[in-house]
Amino acid sequence: MGSASRLISQYFWLLSVPLLIFGFWAEWQDFVLLWHDSIIYSHGFLVLAGILFLLYSRRQGLSTLTIEGSPLALFLLAGASVVLLFAQAADVRFVRLILVPVLIVLWGWSIWGRAFPRIAGGPIMLLLYAAPIWDDFSPLLQHITVYVNDILLQFVDIQATIKEFFIVLDVGTFYVAGGCSGVRYLMVGLFLATFYGQLYYRSHLLTLLLVIVAGILSMLANWLRVFGVIAAGHYTNMETSLIENHEVFGWVIFIFFTLIPLFFISSKLENHFRNEERSAKARQELPQPRYTSAAWPVISSLLILWPPLVPLVVDAKSKRVSESWHPTLVETDSGWRGPLRHANIWQPEYISPDIELSGVYVSNDLNQVQLHFTGYRRQTQTKELIYFGNKLYNHQEWQLVSTMKRELGNDYAAVPKMVNETIIQHHQNGSRVILWSWYEVGDVLTDSKIEAKITGAFKKITGDSRGALWVLAGRCEGLNNPDCEPQRAVFHSFLTSVEKAL
């Protein structure tokens, strides 16, 4: 190994901390916000502390690592960094956050070889226990919790009627919400078991067995917690304070039915398998080619740094493109008048748009069409076209009647081949409105949210982060027009006039 490689091996640890902080700065911020704002993921700070403790306890092994580059790991790191780049551009948070520990392990593996994941891979991957993927299990755990509590209530002769997530008793109704699914206890139990196994066990199989036991005990604790609240409500005629405030009660149950049994089980498992662990011998590995050049940490680190640097490079172009974007409502031929402002048939609910244009067009035979445009000059987090907070209509004012894809073919250049057709009905007066909606991302028209999201990611990387919603709206007049067919013909007439005017 040359002198340069020896220096990098000796001092690269000092550079790796700021490197990993800067390379994943946006992701670390999202992790902290997730752990601070979400009750389900508030244990994330505990997970981070556990990871740092395990890495500190293995500092001696980490200090002995020498550069032994891995072509396979470098290839996987390059692929993962490309995925991260597109996840950042599309702002798919759960993908970005679960990629963080994967990229760190691949980064270390590509520099120091297999020894790095063997020493540090386990602790680093614990970060997945604090990533936003576990709440997707809540519906399944809710169903299991309701099912088990139905059995427990029958066992103690408490009459109950089950209606999905509602448990109906004579004294009142209990709703097993997402927070009652037990996903928090499950995550904490699994993390503690994995942490203990990595701290004291040498066998991966033994750690896996402890994790399975922890998962079962965690779910058991939650079932007993929910049962205790329901039973207390039944026997006190719903006057117990546990019904409204059972957070502390839940953690007490978790300690007695998960942590304490897990402590004794973990020590029993350790003693039982101690001889097997001591007798385990490292397998002889075939000689591998050694890559000790100082170029390995440089290349690997550049693959970590380039995803956050790309937006900085294209930022000037994004700003220039957004400032030069001045969309307008279309002009039609002589068969239509408009757009008439402040005569809206309907209004969407989109969060913080940069541009909102809307107007009603009236034909010579007095048919009406509203054309609406909602645009974002530069899409950023919580200020983007495809976002869960954006609604096509006000759900308190309108109710959904039907939704489908409507094929228009290649007849209109200003509209994609397919649009989203939505029919809504007013809660108060029962009037119906038909909506044809589509998305414009850069210069691409699409009816698909997924395509709009993916296209937006590609466009954002090239310096164009514009995005817009286009909607045609019309009233379905009269009781003889429940399916809005006449208004569809009006839409076609309007689009034809727009096509002639282009």
Protein backbone atom coordinates (compact mmCIF):
# COMPACT_ATOMS: atom_id res chain seq x y z
CA MET A 1 0.00 0.00 0.00
CA GLY A 2 1.38 3.40 -0.97
CA SER A 3 1.91 6.32 1.40
CA ALA A 4 -1.18 8.12 0.08
CA SER A 5 -3.35 5.08 0.75
CA ARG A 6 -1.92 4.73 4.27
CA LEU A 7 -2.71 8.37 5.03
CA ILE A 8 -6.27 7.99 3.76
CA SER A 9 -6.76 4.80 5.78
CA GLN A 10 -5.52 6.60 8.90
CA TYR A 11 -7.38 9.90 8.60
CA PHE A 12 -10.39 9.17 6.41
CA TRP A 13 -12.56 8.53 9.47
CA LEU A 14 -12.20 12.21 10.35
CA LEU A 15 -13.60 13.15 6.94
CA SER A 16 -16.33 10.51 6.79
CA VAL A 17 -18.55 12.08 9.49
CA PRO A 18 -18.97 15.51 7.77
CA LEU A 19 -19.16 13.70 4.43
CA LEU A 20 -22.11 11.55 5.51
CA ILE A 21 -23.79 14.48 7.27
CA PHE A 22 -23.57 16.74 4.22
CA GLY A 23 -24.34 14.00 1.69
CA PHE A 24 -27.60 13.12 3.46
CA TRP A 25 -28.36 16.52 5.01
CA ALA A 26 -31.91 16.70 3.63
CA GLU A 27 -32.60 13.12 4.77
CA TRP A 28 -31.24 13.73 8.29
CA GLN A 29 -33.52 16.77 8.56
CA ASP A 30 -36.51 14.66 7.53
CA PHE A 31 -35.57 11.96 10.03
CA VAL A 32 -35.46 14.49 12.88
CA LEU A 33 -38.77 16.06 11.84
CA LEU A 34 -40.37 12.61 11.58
CA TRP A 35 -39.17 11.59 15.05
CA HIS A 36 -40.16 14.93 16.58
CA ASP A 37 -43.60 15.29 14.98
CA SER A 38 -44.84 11.69 14.84
CA ILE A 39 -45.93 9.77 17.93
CA ILE A 40 -45.40 6.49 16.07
CA TYR A 41 -41.76 7.29 15.28
CA SER A 42 -40.77 9.18 18.43
CA HIS A 43 -38.50 6.25 19.33
CA GLY A 44 -36.21 7.29 16.46
CA PHE A 45 -33.93 9.24 18.79
CA LEU A 46 -33.49 6.05 20.84
CA VAL A 47 -32.62 4.14 17.67
CA LEU A 48 -30.01 6.74 16.68
CA ALA A 49 -28.46 6.62 20.15
CA GLY A 50 -28.32 2.81 19.96
CA ILE A 51 -26.60 2.92 16.56
CA LEU A 52 -23.94 5.35 17.79
CA PHE A 53 -23.35 3.26 20.91
CA LEU A 54 -22.88 0.06 18.90
CA LEU A 55 -20.48 1.78 16.49
CA TYR A 56 -18.53 3.19 19.43
CA SER A 57 -18.32 -0.26 21.03
CA ARG A 58 -16.86 -1.58 17.76
CA ARG A 59 -14.41 1.28 17.32
CA GLN A 60 -11.41 -1.00 17.69
CA GLY A 61 -12.51 -3.18 14.78
CA LEU A 62 -13.32 -0.11 12.67
CA SER A 63 -9.90 1.38 13.36
CA THR A 64 -8.18 -1.68 11.87
CA LEU A 65 -9.94 -1.41 8.50
CA THR A 66 -7.72 -0.85 5.48
CA ILE A 67 -8.63 0.11 1.95
CA GLU A 68 -9.76 -2.97 0.04
CA GLY A 69 -12.14 -1.70 -2.62
CA SER A 70 -15.03 -3.80 -3.86
CA PRO A 71 -16.14 -3.42 -7.53
CA LEU A 72 -19.48 -5.08 -6.75
CA ALA A 73 -20.23 -2.69 -3.88
CA LEU A 74 -19.19 0.29 -6.01
CA PHE A 75 -21.56 -0.83 -8.76
CA LEU A 76 -24.44 -1.23 -6.28
CA LEU A 77 -23.58 2.13 -4.69
CA ALA A 78 -23.76 3.84 -8.08
CA GLY A 79 -27.18 2.33 -8.76
CA ALA A 80 -28.51 3.23 -5.31
CA SER A 81 -27.24 6.81 -5.64
CA VAL A 82 -29.13 7.18 -8.93
CA VAL A 83 -32.31 5.93 -7.22
CA LEU A 84 -31.72 8.44 -4.41
CA LEU A 85 -31.31 11.25 -6.93
CA PHE A 86 -34.67 10.50 -8.54
CA ALA A 87 -36.33 9.97 -5.13
CA GLN A 88 -35.07 13.40 -4.10
CA ALA A 89 -36.29 14.97 -7.33
CA ALA A 90 -39.72 13.33 -6.97
CA ASP A 91 -39.65 13.91 -3.19
CA VAL A 92 -40.64 10.33 -2.31
CA ARG A 93 -39.70 10.54 1.34
CA PHE A 94 -39.94 6.92 2.42
CA VAL A 95 -37.64 5.83 -0.45
CA ARG A 96 -35.11 8.55 0.39
CA LEU A 97 -35.00 7.64 4.08
CA ILE A 98 -34.73 3.86 3.70
CA LEU A 99 -31.91 4.38 1.21
CA VAL A 100 -29.76 6.23 3.79
CA PRO A 101 -28.53 3.16 5.76
CA VAL A 102 -28.26 1.11 2.55
CA LEU A 103 -26.06 3.74 0.89
CA ILE A 104 -23.85 4.12 3.97
CA VAL A 105 -23.22 0.37 4.13
CA LEU A 106 -22.51 0.19 0.39
CA TRP A 107 -20.21 3.21 0.68
CA GLY A 108 -18.16 1.57 3.44
CA TRP A 109 -18.14 -1.81 1.69
CA SER A 110 -16.89 -0.23 -1.55
CA ILE A 111 -13.94 1.33 0.35
CA TRP A 112 -12.97 -1.19 3.05
CA GLY A 113 -14.35 -4.40 1.59
CA ARG A 114 -16.53 -6.97 3.33
CA ALA A 115 -15.04 -6.19 6.71
CA PHE A 116 -17.04 -2.94 6.91
CA PRO A 117 -20.55 -4.43 6.60
CA ARG A 118 -19.46 -7.27 8.88
CA ILE A 119 -18.47 -4.80 11.62
CA ALA A 120 -20.75 -1.80 11.04
CA GLY A 121 -23.50 -3.06 8.73
CA GLY A 122 -25.75 -4.39 11.48
CA PRO A 123 -25.76 -1.24 13.64
CA ILE A 124 -26.26 1.06 10.63
CA MET A 125 -29.20 -0.95 9.28
CA LEU A 126 -30.98 -0.47 12.63
CA LEU A 127 -31.95 2.93 11.21
CA LEU A 128 -34.67 1.10 9.26
CA TYR A 129 -36.55 0.67 12.55
CA ALA A 130 -37.00 4.46 12.59
CA ALA A 131 -37.80 4.90 8.86
CA PRO A 132 -41.37 5.74 7.73
CA ILE A 133 -42.34 2.30 6.47
CA TRP A 134 -43.87 0.70 9.55
CA ASP A 135 -47.17 2.61 9.71
CA ASP A 136 -48.19 0.79 6.50
CA PHE A 137 -48.62 -2.28 8.73
CA SER A 138 -51.18 -0.48 10.92
CA PRO A 139 -54.34 -1.67 9.07
CA LEU A 140 -53.24 -5.32 9.27
CA LEU A 141 -52.33 -4.99 12.95
CA GLN A 142 -55.66 -3.25 13.62
CA HIS A 143 -57.56 -6.21 12.15
CA ILE A 144 -55.49 -8.67 14.21
CA THR A 145 -56.02 -6.64 17.40
CA VAL A 146 -59.80 -6.55 16.88
CA TYR A 147 -59.89 -10.28 16.13
CA VAL A 148 -57.90 -11.23 19.24
CA ASN A 149 -59.90 -8.91 21.49
CA ASP A 150 -63.13 -10.44 20.21
CA ILE A 151 -61.84 -13.82 21.44
CA LEU A 152 -60.74 -12.36 24.80
CA LEU A 153 -64.09 -10.64 25.35
CA GLN A 154 -65.94 -13.88 24.63
CA PHE A 155 -63.64 -15.69 27.06
CA VAL A 156 -64.59 -13.35 29.95
CA ASP A 157 -68.24 -13.29 28.84
CA ILE A 158 -68.41 -9.63 27.76
CA GLN A 159 -70.90 -9.30 24.91
CA ALA A 160 -69.53 -7.32 21.99
CA THR A 161 -70.40 -6.68 18.35
CA ILE A 162 -67.55 -6.20 15.87
CA LYS A 163 -67.93 -3.74 13.00
CA GLU A 164 -64.59 -3.53 11.22
CA PHE A 165 -62.43 -1.51 13.67
CA PHE A 166 -65.33 -0.75 16.05
CA ILE A 167 -66.00 -2.90 19.12
CA VAL A 168 -69.57 -2.20 20.28
CA LEU A 169 -70.54 -2.96 23.89
CA ASP A 170 -73.76 -2.21 25.75
CA VAL A 171 -72.02 0.59 27.64
CA GLY A 172 -70.41 2.21 24.59
CA THR A 173 -68.31 1.83 21.45
CA PHE A 174 -64.53 1.45 21.25
CA TYR A 175 -62.65 2.34 18.09
CA VAL A 176 -59.33 0.56 17.48
CA ALA A 177 -57.55 3.41 15.72
CA GLY A 178 -54.22 3.27 13.93
CA GLY A 179 -52.44 4.22 17.16
CA CYS A 180 -54.04 1.19 18.83
CA SER A 181 -52.65 -1.20 16.22
CA GLY A 182 -49.53 -1.71 18.33
CA VAL A 183 -47.09 -0.73 15.60
CA ARG A 184 -45.17 1.50 18.06
CA TYR A 185 -44.69 -1.32 20.55
CA LEU A 186 -43.76 -3.67 17.72
CA MET A 187 -41.06 -1.33 16.38
CA VAL A 188 -39.59 -0.69 19.83
CA GLY A 189 -39.63 -4.39 20.72
CA LEU A 190 -37.97 -5.43 17.46
CA PHE A 191 -35.35 -2.70 17.78
CA LEU A 192 -34.44 -3.62 21.37
CA ALA A 193 -34.16 -7.31 20.48
CA THR A 194 -31.95 -6.57 17.47
CA PHE A 195 -29.87 -4.13 19.51
CA TYR A 196 -29.36 -6.70 22.27
CA GLY A 197 -28.48 -9.42 19.77
CA GLN A 198 -25.87 -7.24 18.06
CA LEU A 199 -24.43 -6.21 21.40
CA TYR A 200 -24.10 -9.66 22.98
CA TYR A 201 -24.72 -12.44 20.43
CA ARG A 202 -22.36 -13.78 17.80
CA SER A 203 -24.99 -15.82 16.00
CA HIS A 204 -27.27 -14.12 13.48
CA LEU A 205 -29.72 -17.00 13.87
CA LEU A 206 -29.90 -16.40 17.60
CA THR A 207 -30.55 -12.69 17.05
CA LEU A 208 -33.31 -13.53 14.57
CA LEU A 209 -34.92 -15.90 17.08
CA LEU A 210 -34.88 -13.16 19.74
CA VAL A 211 -36.41 -10.69 17.28
CA ILE A 212 -39.27 -13.11 16.52
CA VAL A 213 -39.92 -13.59 20.25
CA ALA A 214 -39.88 -9.80 20.75
CA GLY A 215 -42.39 -9.33 17.95
CA ILE A 216 -44.80 -11.86 19.47
CA LEU A 217 -44.47 -10.37 22.97
CA SER A 218 -44.94 -6.82 21.63
CA MET A 219 -48.18 -7.74 19.88
CA LEU A 220 -49.35 -9.63 22.97
CA ALA A 221 -48.75 -6.54 25.10
CA ASN A 222 -50.83 -4.41 22.75
CA TRP A 223 -53.68 -6.93 22.69
CA LEU A 224 -53.75 -6.95 26.49
CA ARG A 225 -53.56 -3.14 26.57
CA VAL A 226 -56.61 -2.77 24.33
CA PHE A 227 -58.44 -5.50 26.23
CA GLY A 228 -57.67 -3.79 29.53
CA VAL A 229 -59.11 -0.49 28.31
CA ILE A 230 -62.27 -2.17 27.00
CA ALA A 231 -62.73 -4.22 30.17
CA ALA A 232 -62.21 -1.14 32.34
CA GLY A 233 -64.83 0.73 30.31
CA HIS A 234 -67.26 -2.18 30.64
CA TYR A 235 -66.92 -2.62 34.41
CA THR A 236 -66.95 1.13 35.20
CA ASN A 237 -69.78 1.99 32.82
CA MET A 238 -67.36 4.09 30.70
CA GLU A 239 -66.34 6.28 33.64
CA THR A 240 -62.70 5.25 33.85
CA SER A 241 -60.03 7.73 32.77
CA LEU A 242 -58.27 4.94 30.82
CA ILE A 243 -60.70 5.43 27.95
CA GLU A 244 -59.35 8.89 27.17
CA ASN A 245 -55.79 8.59 28.50
CA HIS A 246 -54.14 5.16 28.25
CA GLU A 247 -50.67 6.09 26.99
CA VAL A 248 -48.90 5.43 30.31
CA PHE A 249 -51.02 2.32 30.88
CA GLY A 250 -49.86 0.97 27.51
CA TRP A 251 -46.17 1.38 28.28
CA VAL A 252 -46.62 -0.21 31.73
CA ILE A 253 -48.20 -3.24 30.05
CA PHE A 254 -45.34 -3.24 27.51
CA ILE A 255 -42.73 -3.31 30.28
CA PHE A 256 -44.37 -6.17 32.18
CA PHE A 257 -45.40 -8.33 29.24
CA THR A 258 -42.58 -7.59 26.76
CA LEU A 259 -39.43 -6.09 28.26
CA ILE A 260 -39.21 -8.16 31.45
CA PRO A 261 -39.94 -11.52 29.73
CA LEU A 262 -37.60 -10.56 26.90
CA PHE A 263 -34.80 -9.90 29.39
CA PHE A 264 -35.06 -13.39 30.87
CA ILE A 265 -35.53 -15.08 27.49
CA SER A 266 -32.50 -13.31 26.00
CA SER A 267 -30.23 -14.48 28.84
CA LYS A 268 -31.56 -18.07 28.56
CA LEU A 269 -30.95 -18.11 24.81
CA GLU A 270 -27.44 -16.73 25.32
CA ASN A 271 -26.55 -19.44 27.84
CA HIS A 272 -28.10 -22.22 25.76
CA PHE A 273 -26.21 -21.35 22.59
CA ARG A 274 -22.96 -20.21 24.19
CA ASN A 275 -21.10 -23.44 23.36
CA GLU A 276 -22.31 -23.38 19.75
CA GLU A 277 -21.18 -19.76 19.36
CA ARG A 278 -17.76 -20.43 20.85
CA SER A 279 -17.20 -23.39 18.58
CA ALA A 280 -18.09 -21.43 15.43
CA LYS A 281 -15.07 -20.98 13.17
CA ALA A 282 -14.64 -18.50 10.42
CA ARG A 283 -14.95 -20.09 6.99
CA GLN A 284 -11.94 -20.00 4.75
CA GLU A 285 -12.59 -17.61 1.90
CA LEU A 286 -11.05 -17.83 -1.52
CA PRO A 287 -8.36 -15.23 -2.15
CA GLN A 288 -9.84 -12.08 -3.60
CA PRO A 289 -8.09 -9.46 -5.70
CA ARG A 290 -7.02 -6.52 -3.51
CA TYR A 291 -7.89 -2.99 -4.57
CA THR A 292 -5.91 -0.68 -2.30
CA SER A 293 -5.72 2.47 -4.40
CA ALA A 294 -6.66 5.81 -2.81
CA ALA A 295 -9.09 6.27 -5.71
CA TRP A 296 -11.65 3.97 -4.06
CA PRO A 297 -12.63 6.29 -1.18
CA VAL A 298 -12.60 9.26 -3.58
CA ILE A 299 -14.94 7.63 -6.11
CA SER A 300 -17.23 6.17 -3.43
CA SER A 301 -17.51 9.51 -1.66
CA LEU A 302 -18.33 11.31 -4.91
CA LEU A 303 -21.22 8.88 -5.39
CA ILE A 304 -22.51 9.95 -1.98
CA LEU A 305 -22.10 13.66 -2.70
CA TRP A 306 -23.47 13.99 -6.21
CA PRO A 307 -27.23 13.53 -5.47
CA PRO A 308 -27.41 16.64 -3.21
CA LEU A 309 -25.05 18.59 -5.50
CA VAL A 310 -27.09 18.13 -8.69
CA PRO A 311 -29.98 20.39 -7.51
CA LEU A 312 -27.43 23.09 -6.67
CA VAL A 313 -25.98 22.86 -10.17
CA VAL A 314 -29.35 23.08 -11.95
CA ASP A 315 -30.81 25.64 -9.53
CA ALA A 316 -29.90 28.60 -11.76
CA LYS A 317 -31.61 27.01 -14.76
CA SER A 318 -34.67 26.08 -12.67
CA LYS A 319 -34.97 29.68 -11.53
CA ARG A 320 -34.61 31.00 -15.07
CA VAL A 321 -37.21 28.57 -16.48
CA SER A 322 -39.71 29.27 -13.70
CA GLU A 323 -39.41 33.05 -14.03
CA SER A 324 -39.97 32.89 -17.79
CA TRP A 325 -43.14 30.79 -17.42
CA HIS A 326 -46.27 32.89 -17.97
CA PRO A 327 -49.18 30.56 -18.79
CA THR A 328 -52.52 32.01 -19.93
CA LEU A 329 -55.99 30.67 -20.51
CA VAL A 330 -56.61 29.65 -24.11
CA GLU A 331 -58.33 31.76 -26.73
CA THR A 332 -61.15 30.16 -28.72
CA ASP A 333 -62.72 30.84 -32.11
CA SER A 334 -65.81 32.93 -32.76
CA GLY A 335 -68.16 30.20 -31.50
CA TRP A 336 -67.24 30.91 -27.86
CA ARG A 337 -66.91 33.99 -25.66
CA GLY A 338 -64.56 34.16 -22.73
CA PRO A 339 -62.86 33.61 -20.47
CA LEU A 340 -65.28 35.34 -18.09
CA ARG A 341 -63.59 35.83 -14.71
CA HIS A 342 -65.19 35.28 -11.30
CA ALA A 343 -67.93 33.02 -12.67
CA ASN A 344 -66.62 29.71 -11.34
CA ILE A 345 -68.64 26.51 -11.48
CA TRP A 346 -66.30 24.71 -9.10
CA GLN A 347 -62.93 25.25 -7.37
CA PRO A 348 -60.09 22.79 -6.49
CA GLU A 349 -58.18 22.83 -3.20
CA TYR A 350 -54.43 22.86 -3.91
CA ILE A 351 -51.84 23.95 -1.37
CA SER A 352 -49.81 27.12 -2.05
CA PRO A 353 -49.92 27.26 -5.88
CA ASP A 354 -47.88 29.96 -7.60
CA ILE A 355 -50.40 30.55 -10.38
CA GLU A 356 -54.17 30.12 -10.46
CA LEU A 357 -56.18 30.99 -13.55
CA SER A 358 -59.86 30.30 -14.06
CA GLY A 359 -62.59 31.47 -16.38
CA VAL A 360 -65.92 30.44 -17.87
CA TYR A 361 -66.46 30.24 -21.63
CA VAL A 362 -69.98 30.59 -23.09
CA SER A 363 -70.93 29.26 -26.51
CA ASN A 364 -73.36 30.88 -28.97
CA ASP A 365 -76.06 28.46 -27.84
CA LEU A 366 -75.32 29.36 -24.16
CA ASN A 367 -73.44 26.22 -23.15
CA GLN A 368 -70.84 26.84 -20.44
CA VAL A 369 -67.40 25.42 -19.75
CA GLN A 370 -65.01 26.43 -16.97
CA LEU A 371 -61.30 26.12 -17.72
CA HIS A 372 -59.07 26.06 -14.63
CA PHE A 373 -55.29 26.13 -14.29
CA THR A 374 -53.30 25.61 -11.07
CA GLY A 375 -49.53 25.86 -11.47
CA TYR A 376 -46.30 25.53 -9.49
CA ARG A 377 -43.28 27.35 -10.90
CA ARG A 378 -40.77 25.36 -8.81
CA GLN A 379 -41.98 22.25 -7.06
CA THR A 380 -40.55 21.72 -3.57
CA GLN A 381 -41.57 19.68 -0.53
CA THR A 382 -45.21 20.42 0.51
CA LYS A 383 -45.46 22.73 -2.52
CA GLU A 384 -45.84 20.31 -5.37
CA LEU A 385 -48.32 19.12 -7.96
CA ILE A 386 -48.74 15.53 -6.76
CA TYR A 387 -49.25 15.86 -3.02
CA PHE A 388 -51.61 14.12 -0.60
CA GLY A 389 -52.91 17.48 0.66
CA ASN A 390 -54.07 18.57 -2.81
CA LYS A 391 -57.75 17.87 -3.52
CA LEU A 392 -59.63 18.11 -6.80
CA TYR A 393 -62.70 19.33 -4.90
CA ASN A 394 -63.77 20.38 -1.40
CA HIS A 395 -64.93 17.17 0.32
CA GLN A 396 -67.04 19.10 2.81
CA GLU A 397 -68.97 20.75 -0.04
CA TRP A 398 -69.04 17.96 -2.63
CA GLN A 399 -69.37 14.18 -2.62
CA LEU A 400 -67.94 11.82 -5.22
CA VAL A 401 -70.41 10.23 -7.64
CA SER A 402 -68.01 8.47 -10.02
CA THR A 403 -64.47 8.55 -11.36
CA MET A 404 -62.99 6.95 -14.45
CA LYS A 405 -60.54 7.39 -17.33
CA ARG A 406 -62.01 9.01 -20.46
CA GLU A 407 -60.21 8.33 -23.75
CA LEU A 408 -60.03 11.26 -26.16
CA GLY A 409 -57.55 9.86 -28.67
CA ASN A 410 -55.24 12.07 -30.70
CA ASP A 411 -57.85 14.65 -31.70
CA TYR A 412 -56.61 17.44 -29.41
CA ALA A 413 -53.02 18.69 -29.12
CA ALA A 414 -53.76 20.65 -25.93
CA VAL A 415 -55.06 17.59 -24.08
CA PRO A 416 -53.52 14.11 -23.51
CA LYS A 417 -55.05 11.02 -25.09
CA MET A 418 -56.66 10.14 -21.77
CA VAL A 419 -58.15 12.42 -19.09
CA ASN A 420 -59.48 11.80 -15.59
CA GLU A 421 -63.27 12.14 -15.50
CA THR A 422 -64.77 12.92 -12.11
CA ILE A 423 -68.45 13.55 -11.38
CA ILE A 424 -69.28 15.22 -8.06
CA GLN A 425 -72.55 16.19 -6.39
CA HIS A 426 -73.19 19.16 -4.12
CA HIS A 427 -74.16 18.19 -0.57
CA GLN A 428 -76.82 20.90 -0.18
CA ASN A 429 -78.60 21.37 -3.50
CA GLY A 430 -77.76 18.03 -5.16
CA SER A 431 -76.40 19.66 -8.33
CA ARG A 432 -73.80 17.69 -10.28
CA VAL A 433 -70.58 18.84 -11.93
CA ILE A 434 -68.40 16.88 -14.33
CA LEU A 435 -64.62 17.42 -14.34
CA TRP A 436 -62.04 16.45 -16.96
CA SER A 437 -58.57 16.84 -15.45
CA TRP A 438 -54.98 16.21 -16.51
CA TYR A 439 -51.45 17.25 -15.58
CA GLU A 440 -48.78 19.26 -17.34
CA VAL A 441 -45.20 18.60 -16.19
CA GLY A 442 -42.69 20.73 -18.05
CA ASP A 443 -44.01 20.26 -21.59
CA VAL A 444 -45.47 16.77 -21.00
CA LEU A 445 -49.23 16.19 -20.72
CA THR A 446 -50.49 13.13 -18.80
CA ASP A 447 -53.54 11.86 -16.94
CA SER A 448 -51.46 9.68 -14.57
CA LYS A 449 -50.26 10.80 -11.15
CA ILE A 450 -47.46 8.24 -11.25
CA GLU A 451 -46.30 9.39 -14.68
CA ALA A 452 -46.52 13.02 -13.54
CA LYS A 453 -44.39 12.19 -10.49
CA ILE A 454 -41.75 10.29 -12.46
CA THR A 455 -41.68 12.82 -15.30
CA GLY A 456 -41.41 15.60 -12.74
CA ALA A 457 -38.35 13.93 -11.25
CA PHE A 458 -36.65 13.69 -14.66
CA LYS A 459 -37.55 17.28 -15.49
CA LYS A 460 -36.38 18.56 -12.13
CA ILE A 461 -32.96 17.00 -12.63
CA THR A 462 -32.66 18.83 -15.97
CA GLY A 463 -33.61 22.17 -14.39
CA ASP A 464 -37.36 22.32 -15.11
CA SER A 465 -39.53 21.84 -12.02
CA ARG A 466 -42.77 23.31 -13.37
CA GLY A 467 -46.02 21.45 -12.80
CA ALA A 468 -49.68 22.25 -13.39
CA LEU A 469 -53.22 20.90 -13.13
CA TRP A 470 -55.66 21.57 -15.99
CA VAL A 471 -59.40 21.02 -15.49
CA LEU A 472 -62.51 21.41 -17.61
CA ALA A 473 -65.66 21.77 -15.50
CA GLY A 474 -69.32 21.84 -16.49
CA ARG A 475 -72.73 21.52 -14.90
CA CYS A 476 -74.86 18.44 -15.53
CA GLU A 477 -78.13 20.34 -15.92
CA GLY A 478 -81.54 18.78 -15.29
CA LEU A 479 -82.88 15.58 -13.76
CA ASN A 480 -82.74 13.89 -17.17
CA ASN A 481 -78.97 14.28 -17.29
CA PRO A 482 -77.66 12.11 -14.41
CA ASP A 483 -74.71 10.74 -16.40
CA CYS A 484 -73.66 14.20 -17.75
CA GLU A 485 -73.55 12.97 -21.38
CA PRO A 486 -74.67 16.30 -22.93
CA GLN A 487 -71.89 18.12 -21.06
CA ARG A 488 -69.30 15.74 -22.50
CA ALA A 489 -70.42 16.82 -25.96
CA VAL A 490 -69.99 20.45 -24.85
CA PHE A 491 -66.42 19.66 -23.71
CA HIS A 492 -65.64 18.16 -27.11
CA SER A 493 -67.07 21.22 -28.85
CA PHE A 494 -64.96 23.52 -26.67
CA LEU A 495 -61.77 21.53 -27.26
CA THR A 496 -62.42 21.55 -31.00
CA SER A 497 -62.67 25.34 -30.96
CA VAL A 498 -59.44 25.53 -28.95
CA GLU A 499 -57.74 23.26 -31.50
CA LYS A 500 -58.80 25.54 -34.36
CA ALA A 501 -57.51 28.59 -32.50
CA LEU A 502 -54.04 27.11 -31.91
